[in-house]
């Protein structure tokens, strides 16, 4: 199954962020918006993982989670990869808090012995809110940033192993395992 490790937002936070993106959705942008219930912060994409290997991944994530305290995500800003003028992924920013960066690095370290290569790109915390279809020209979305003004502080208590199942209208995400952050969680 397609698997990734994420920090999930509460339903309330997902709704608030989705509502804040409404002015951007009013533009005729050639993008596919992320469904409200799919908004999350990816820490590590693993790709296809054999069902029997998910247990080992879950154990590693639980061990890392136990060593890292719950944290608060600082959400603000709007951007795009590779740039606002040639957008392929639209995102909402998440502050690069040292505890968040340490958690992500620890997950990378714990998964190397299981056969998952370290990500070569620097970790840039973000929540993907839209993707452009593959094509010859990526859209310029620089004008949309002026209309997005959202800030939030989101407490996070777990790090989650997620499965991704493609379907009509986009992929559906499901938590396979929720590992509490901190000793025994909160």
C-alpha atoms as a PDB file:
ATOM      1  CA  UNK A   1       0.000   0.000   0.000  1.00  0.00           C
ATOM      2  CA  UNK A   2       1.105   3.591  -0.635  1.00  0.00           C
ATOM      3  CA  UNK A   3       2.311   4.821   2.715  1.00  0.00           C
ATOM      4  CA  UNK A   4       3.515   8.067   4.259  1.00  0.00           C
ATOM      5  CA  UNK A   5       4.120   9.518   7.718  1.00  0.00           C
ATOM      6  CA  UNK A   6       2.225  12.662   8.651  1.00  0.00           C
ATOM      7  CA  UNK A   7       1.064  15.073  11.282  1.00  0.00           C
ATOM      8  CA  UNK A   8      -2.694  15.346  10.918  1.00  0.00           C
ATOM      9  CA  UNK A   9      -4.793  18.389  11.664  1.00  0.00           C
ATOM     10  CA  UNK A  10      -7.945  18.244  13.749  1.00  0.00           C
ATOM     11  CA  UNK A  11     -11.256  18.311  11.888  1.00  0.00           C
ATOM     12  CA  UNK A  12     -11.842  21.827  13.225  1.00  0.00           C
ATOM     13  CA  UNK A  13      -8.489  23.043  11.915  1.00  0.00           C
ATOM     14  CA  UNK A  14      -9.005  21.376   8.533  1.00  0.00           C
ATOM     15  CA  UNK A  15     -12.357  23.118   8.213  1.00  0.00           C
ATOM     16  CA  UNK A  16     -10.912  26.525   9.175  1.00  0.00           C
ATOM     17  CA  UNK A  17      -8.037  26.170   6.709  1.00  0.00           C
ATOM     18  CA  UNK A  18     -10.377  24.980   3.958  1.00  0.00           C
ATOM     19  CA  UNK A  19     -12.606  28.020   4.567  1.00  0.00           C
ATOM     20  CA  UNK A  20      -9.595  30.361   4.496  1.00  0.00           C
ATOM     21  CA  UNK A  21      -8.710  28.993   1.050  1.00  0.00           C
ATOM     22  CA  UNK A  22     -12.158  29.790  -0.389  1.00  0.00           C
ATOM     23  CA  UNK A  23     -11.050  33.106  -2.008  1.00  0.00           C
ATOM     24  CA  UNK A  24      -8.214  31.277  -3.766  1.00  0.00           C
ATOM     25  CA  UNK A  25     -10.604  28.586  -4.991  1.00  0.00           C
ATOM     26  CA  UNK A  26     -12.764  31.306  -6.583  1.00  0.00           C
ATOM     27  CA  UNK A  27     -10.018  31.943  -9.160  1.00  0.00           C
ATOM     28  CA  UNK A  28     -10.105  29.906 -12.335  1.00  0.00           C
ATOM     29  CA  UNK A  29      -6.816  28.234 -11.570  1.00  0.00           C
ATOM     30  CA  UNK A  30      -5.978  25.037 -13.438  1.00  0.00           C
ATOM     31  CA  UNK A  31      -5.447  23.100 -10.198  1.00  0.00           C
ATOM     32  CA  UNK A  32      -6.954  20.174  -8.313  1.00  0.00           C
ATOM     33  CA  UNK A  33      -7.687  21.342  -4.754  1.00  0.00           C
ATOM     34  CA  UNK A  34      -6.943  19.021  -1.849  1.00  0.00           C
ATOM     35  CA  UNK A  35     -10.098  17.749  -0.145  1.00  0.00           C
ATOM     36  CA  UNK A  36     -10.724  19.190   3.301  1.00  0.00           C
ATOM     37  CA  UNK A  37     -10.378  15.821   5.033  1.00  0.00           C
ATOM     38  CA  UNK A  38      -7.006  15.212   3.355  1.00  0.00           C
ATOM     39  CA  UNK A  39      -5.158  18.302   4.654  1.00  0.00           C
ATOM     40  CA  UNK A  40      -2.025  17.220   6.587  1.00  0.00           C
ATOM     41  CA  UNK A  41       1.727  17.798   6.928  1.00  0.00           C
ATOM     42  CA  UNK A  42       3.781  15.007   5.351  1.00  0.00           C
ATOM     43  CA  UNK A  43       6.963  14.173   7.254  1.00  0.00           C
ATOM     44  CA  UNK A  44       8.119  11.271   5.061  1.00  0.00           C
ATOM     45  CA  UNK A  45       6.741   9.657   1.921  1.00  0.00           C
ATOM     46  CA  UNK A  46       7.548   5.943   1.811  1.00  0.00           C
ATOM     47  CA  UNK A  47       5.789   4.854  -1.387  1.00  0.00           C
ATOM     48  CA  UNK A  48       4.567   1.296  -1.783  1.00  0.00           C
ATOM     49  CA  UNK A  49       5.043  -0.656   1.450  1.00  0.00           C
ATOM     50  CA  UNK A  50       4.307  -4.353   1.742  1.00  0.00           C
ATOM     51  CA  UNK A  51       1.648  -5.014   4.372  1.00  0.00           C
ATOM     52  CA  UNK A  52       4.022  -7.133   6.446  1.00  0.00           C
ATOM     53  CA  UNK A  53       6.556  -4.285   6.480  1.00  0.00           C
ATOM     54  CA  UNK A  54       4.042  -1.752   7.805  1.00  0.00           C
ATOM     55  CA  UNK A  55       4.445  -3.273  11.289  1.00  0.00           C
ATOM     56  CA  UNK A  56       8.190  -2.545  11.305  1.00  0.00           C
ATOM     57  CA  UNK A  57       7.541   1.014  10.080  1.00  0.00           C
ATOM     58  CA  UNK A  58       4.913   1.454  12.803  1.00  0.00           C
ATOM     59  CA  UNK A  59       7.304   0.233  15.505  1.00  0.00           C
ATOM     60  CA  UNK A  60       9.983   2.686  14.330  1.00  0.00           C
ATOM     61  CA  UNK A  61       7.480   5.552  14.303  1.00  0.00           C
ATOM     62  CA  UNK A  62       6.247   4.666  17.805  1.00  0.00           C
ATOM     63  CA  UNK A  63       9.813   4.644  19.142  1.00  0.00           C
ATOM     64  CA  UNK A  64      10.565   8.026  17.583  1.00  0.00           C
ATOM     65  CA  UNK A  65       7.257   9.471  18.777  1.00  0.00           C
ATOM     66  CA  UNK A  66       7.944   8.429  22.367  1.00  0.00           C
ATOM     67  CA  UNK A  67      11.206  10.432  22.317  1.00  0.00           C
ATOM     68  CA  UNK A  68       9.590  13.665  21.048  1.00  0.00           C
ATOM     69  CA  UNK A  69       7.165  15.816  22.993  1.00  0.00           C
ATOM     70  CA  UNK A  70       3.852  17.036  21.572  1.00  0.00           C
ATOM     71  CA  UNK A  71       4.302  20.215  19.581  1.00  0.00           C
ATOM     72  CA  UNK A  72       2.448  23.153  18.102  1.00  0.00           C
ATOM     73  CA  UNK A  73       2.400  23.763  14.358  1.00  0.00           C
ATOM     74  CA  UNK A  74       2.470  27.441  13.375  1.00  0.00           C
ATOM     75  CA  UNK A  75       0.516  27.680  10.140  1.00  0.00           C
ATOM     76  CA  UNK A  76       0.719  30.770   7.942  1.00  0.00           C
ATOM     77  CA  UNK A  77       1.652  31.931   4.464  1.00  0.00           C
ATOM     78  CA  UNK A  78       0.882  30.704   0.988  1.00  0.00           C
ATOM     79  CA  UNK A  79       3.366  29.531  -1.624  1.00  0.00           C
ATOM     80  CA  UNK A  80       4.071  27.137  -4.447  1.00  0.00           C
ATOM     81  CA  UNK A  81       6.723  24.701  -5.625  1.00  0.00           C
ATOM     82  CA  UNK A  82       8.852  25.318  -7.578  1.00  0.00           C
ATOM     83  CA  UNK A  83       7.694  28.982  -7.515  1.00  0.00           C
ATOM     84  CA  UNK A  84       4.579  31.146  -7.510  1.00  0.00           C
ATOM     85  CA  UNK A  85       5.111  31.975 -11.194  1.00  0.00           C
ATOM     86  CA  UNK A  86       5.426  28.288 -12.222  1.00  0.00           C
ATOM     87  CA  UNK A  87       3.309  26.436  -9.691  1.00  0.00           C
ATOM     88  CA  UNK A  88       3.001  22.676  -9.674  1.00  0.00           C
ATOM     89  CA  UNK A  89       2.109  22.387  -5.953  1.00  0.00           C
ATOM     90  CA  UNK A  90       0.308  25.065  -3.946  1.00  0.00           C
ATOM     91  CA  UNK A  91       0.926  25.005  -0.215  1.00  0.00           C
ATOM     92  CA  UNK A  92       0.249  26.688   3.103  1.00  0.00           C
ATOM     93  CA  UNK A  93       3.360  27.156   5.193  1.00  0.00           C
ATOM     94  CA  UNK A  94       4.220  25.589   8.526  1.00  0.00           C
ATOM     95  CA  UNK A  95       6.890  27.229  10.678  1.00  0.00           C
ATOM     96  CA  UNK A  96      10.198  25.360  10.791  1.00  0.00           C
ATOM     97  CA  UNK A  97      10.138  24.944  14.576  1.00  0.00           C
ATOM     98  CA  UNK A  98      13.319  23.194  15.824  1.00  0.00           C
ATOM     99  CA  UNK A  99      11.238  20.471  17.529  1.00  0.00           C
ATOM    100  CA  UNK A 100       9.375  19.753  14.285  1.00  0.00           C
ATOM    101  CA  UNK A 101      12.647  19.578  12.349  1.00  0.00           C
ATOM    102  CA  UNK A 102      14.144  17.265  14.986  1.00  0.00           C
ATOM    103  CA  UNK A 103      11.121  14.948  14.757  1.00  0.00           C
ATOM    104  CA  UNK A 104      11.387  14.773  10.977  1.00  0.00           C
ATOM    105  CA  UNK A 105      15.158  14.062  11.102  1.00  0.00           C
ATOM    106  CA  UNK A 106      14.636  11.354  13.729  1.00  0.00           C
ATOM    107  CA  UNK A 107      12.054   9.664  11.516  1.00  0.00           C
ATOM    108  CA  UNK A 108      14.460   9.762   8.567  1.00  0.00           C
ATOM    109  CA  UNK A 109      17.187   8.219  10.751  1.00  0.00           C
ATOM    110  CA  UNK A 110      14.885   5.496  12.115  1.00  0.00           C
ATOM    111  CA  UNK A 111      13.677   4.453   8.662  1.00  0.00           C
ATOM    112  CA  UNK A 112      17.089   4.116   6.962  1.00  0.00           C
ATOM    113  CA  UNK A 113      17.769   0.695   8.593  1.00  0.00           C
ATOM    114  CA  UNK A 114      14.405  -0.465   7.212  1.00  0.00           C
ATOM    115  CA  UNK A 115      15.525   0.327   3.662  1.00  0.00           C
ATOM    116  CA  UNK A 116      14.052   3.814   3.151  1.00  0.00           C
ATOM    117  CA  UNK A 117      16.543   6.271   1.695  1.00  0.00           C
ATOM    118  CA  UNK A 118      16.929   9.707   3.213  1.00  0.00           C
ATOM    119  CA  UNK A 119      15.168  12.478   1.358  1.00  0.00           C
ATOM    120  CA  UNK A 120      17.818  14.432  -0.542  1.00  0.00           C
ATOM    121  CA  UNK A 121      15.848  17.689  -0.618  1.00  0.00           C
ATOM    122  CA  UNK A 122      15.753  19.867   2.475  1.00  0.00           C
ATOM    123  CA  UNK A 123      12.596  19.437   4.546  1.00  0.00           C
ATOM    124  CA  UNK A 124      10.309  22.437   4.007  1.00  0.00           C
ATOM    125  CA  UNK A 125       7.263  22.000   6.250  1.00  0.00           C
ATOM    126  CA  UNK A 126       4.033  22.706   4.387  1.00  0.00           C
ATOM    127  CA  UNK A 127       0.478  21.545   3.854  1.00  0.00           C
ATOM    128  CA  UNK A 128      -0.277  20.791   0.211  1.00  0.00           C
ATOM    129  CA  UNK A 129      -3.552  22.510  -0.711  1.00  0.00           C
ATOM    130  CA  UNK A 130      -3.600  22.000  -4.513  1.00  0.00           C
ATOM    131  CA  UNK A 131      -1.721  20.406  -7.398  1.00  0.00           C
ATOM    132  CA  UNK A 132      -1.616  21.340 -11.047  1.00  0.00           C
ATOM    133  CA  UNK A 133      -2.208  18.642 -13.630  1.00  0.00           C
ATOM    134  CA  UNK A 134       0.910  17.544 -15.424  1.00  0.00           C
ATOM    135  CA  UNK A 135       1.262  19.553 -18.567  1.00  0.00           C
ATOM    136  CA  UNK A 136       3.440  21.818 -20.615  1.00  0.00           C
ATOM    137  CA  UNK A 137       2.800  24.966 -18.576  1.00  0.00           C
ATOM    138  CA  UNK A 138       2.491  25.504 -14.847  1.00  0.00           C
ATOM    139  CA  UNK A 139       0.214  28.407 -13.823  1.00  0.00           C
ATOM    140  CA  UNK A 140       1.275  31.726 -12.319  1.00  0.00           C
ATOM    141  CA  UNK A 141      -0.463  31.948  -8.923  1.00  0.00           C
ATOM    142  CA  UNK A 142       1.384  34.967  -7.541  1.00  0.00           C
ATOM    143  CA  UNK A 143      -1.828  37.052  -7.524  1.00  0.00           C
ATOM    144  CA  UNK A 144      -3.548  34.577  -5.179  1.00  0.00           C
ATOM    145  CA  UNK A 145      -1.121  35.170  -2.288  1.00  0.00           C
ATOM    146  CA  UNK A 146      -2.593  38.629  -1.691  1.00  0.00           C
ATOM    147  CA  UNK A 147      -5.955  37.090  -0.822  1.00  0.00           C
ATOM    148  CA  UNK A 148      -4.731  34.498   1.662  1.00  0.00           C
ATOM    149  CA  UNK A 149      -4.409  35.723   5.215  1.00  0.00           C
ATOM    150  CA  UNK A 150      -4.522  32.846   7.650  1.00  0.00           C
ATOM    151  CA  UNK A 151      -2.579  32.084  10.789  1.00  0.00           C
ATOM    152  CA  UNK A 152      -3.127  29.348  13.310  1.00  0.00           C
ATOM    153  CA  UNK A 153      -1.371  27.465  16.081  1.00  0.00           C
ATOM    154  CA  UNK A 154      -2.245  23.780  15.990  1.00  0.00           C
ATOM    155  CA  UNK A 155      -1.369  21.372  18.809  1.00  0.00           C
ATOM    156  CA  UNK A 156      -0.210  17.956  17.599  1.00  0.00           C
ATOM    157  CA  UNK A 157      -0.291  14.905  19.863  1.00  0.00           C
ATOM    158  CA  UNK A 158       0.507  12.059  17.447  1.00  0.00           C
ATOM    159  CA  UNK A 159       2.623  11.184  14.449  1.00  0.00           C
ATOM    160  CA  UNK A 160       0.647   8.986  12.077  1.00  0.00           C
ATOM    161  CA  UNK A 161       1.465   6.230   9.598  1.00  0.00           C
ATOM    162  CA  UNK A 162      -0.960   6.821   6.729  1.00  0.00           C
ATOM    163  CA  UNK A 163      -2.163   4.794   3.771  1.00  0.00           C
ATOM    164  CA  UNK A 164      -3.132   6.415   0.494  1.00  0.00           C
ATOM    165  CA  UNK A 165      -5.715   4.754  -1.719  1.00  0.00           C
ATOM    166  CA  UNK A 166      -6.484   6.263  -5.116  1.00  0.00           C
ATOM    167  CA  UNK A 167     -10.119   6.720  -5.981  1.00  0.00           C
ATOM    168  CA  UNK A 168     -12.555   8.871  -7.895  1.00  0.00           C
ATOM    169  CA  UNK A 169     -12.074  12.489  -6.875  1.00  0.00           C
ATOM    170  CA  UNK A 170      -8.547  11.903  -5.549  1.00  0.00           C
ATOM    171  CA  UNK A 171      -6.725   9.776  -3.036  1.00  0.00           C
ATOM    172  CA  UNK A 172      -8.279   8.791   0.288  1.00  0.00           C
ATOM    173  CA  UNK A 173      -6.024   8.839   3.328  1.00  0.00           C
ATOM    174  CA  UNK A 174      -6.427   6.642   6.363  1.00  0.00           C
ATOM    175  CA  UNK A 175      -4.384   6.429   9.563  1.00  0.00           C
ATOM    176  CA  UNK A 176      -2.939   2.921   9.856  1.00  0.00           C
ATOM    177  CA  UNK A 177      -1.248   3.743  13.174  1.00  0.00           C
ATOM    178  CA  UNK A 178      -1.258   6.778  15.471  1.00  0.00           C
ATOM    179  CA  UNK A 179       1.889   7.010  17.592  1.00  0.00           C
ATOM    180  CA  UNK A 180       1.606   9.306  20.628  1.00  0.00           C
ATOM    181  CA  UNK A 181       4.244  11.997  20.962  1.00  0.00           C
ATOM    182  CA  UNK A 182       5.980  11.935  24.340  1.00  0.00           C
ATOM    183  CA  UNK A 183       6.267   9.209  26.910  1.00  0.00           C
ATOM    184  CA  UNK A 184       2.961   7.435  26.689  1.00  0.00           C
ATOM    185  CA  UNK A 185       1.375  10.328  24.821  1.00  0.00           C
ATOM    186  CA  UNK A 186      -0.962  12.957  26.175  1.00  0.00           C
END
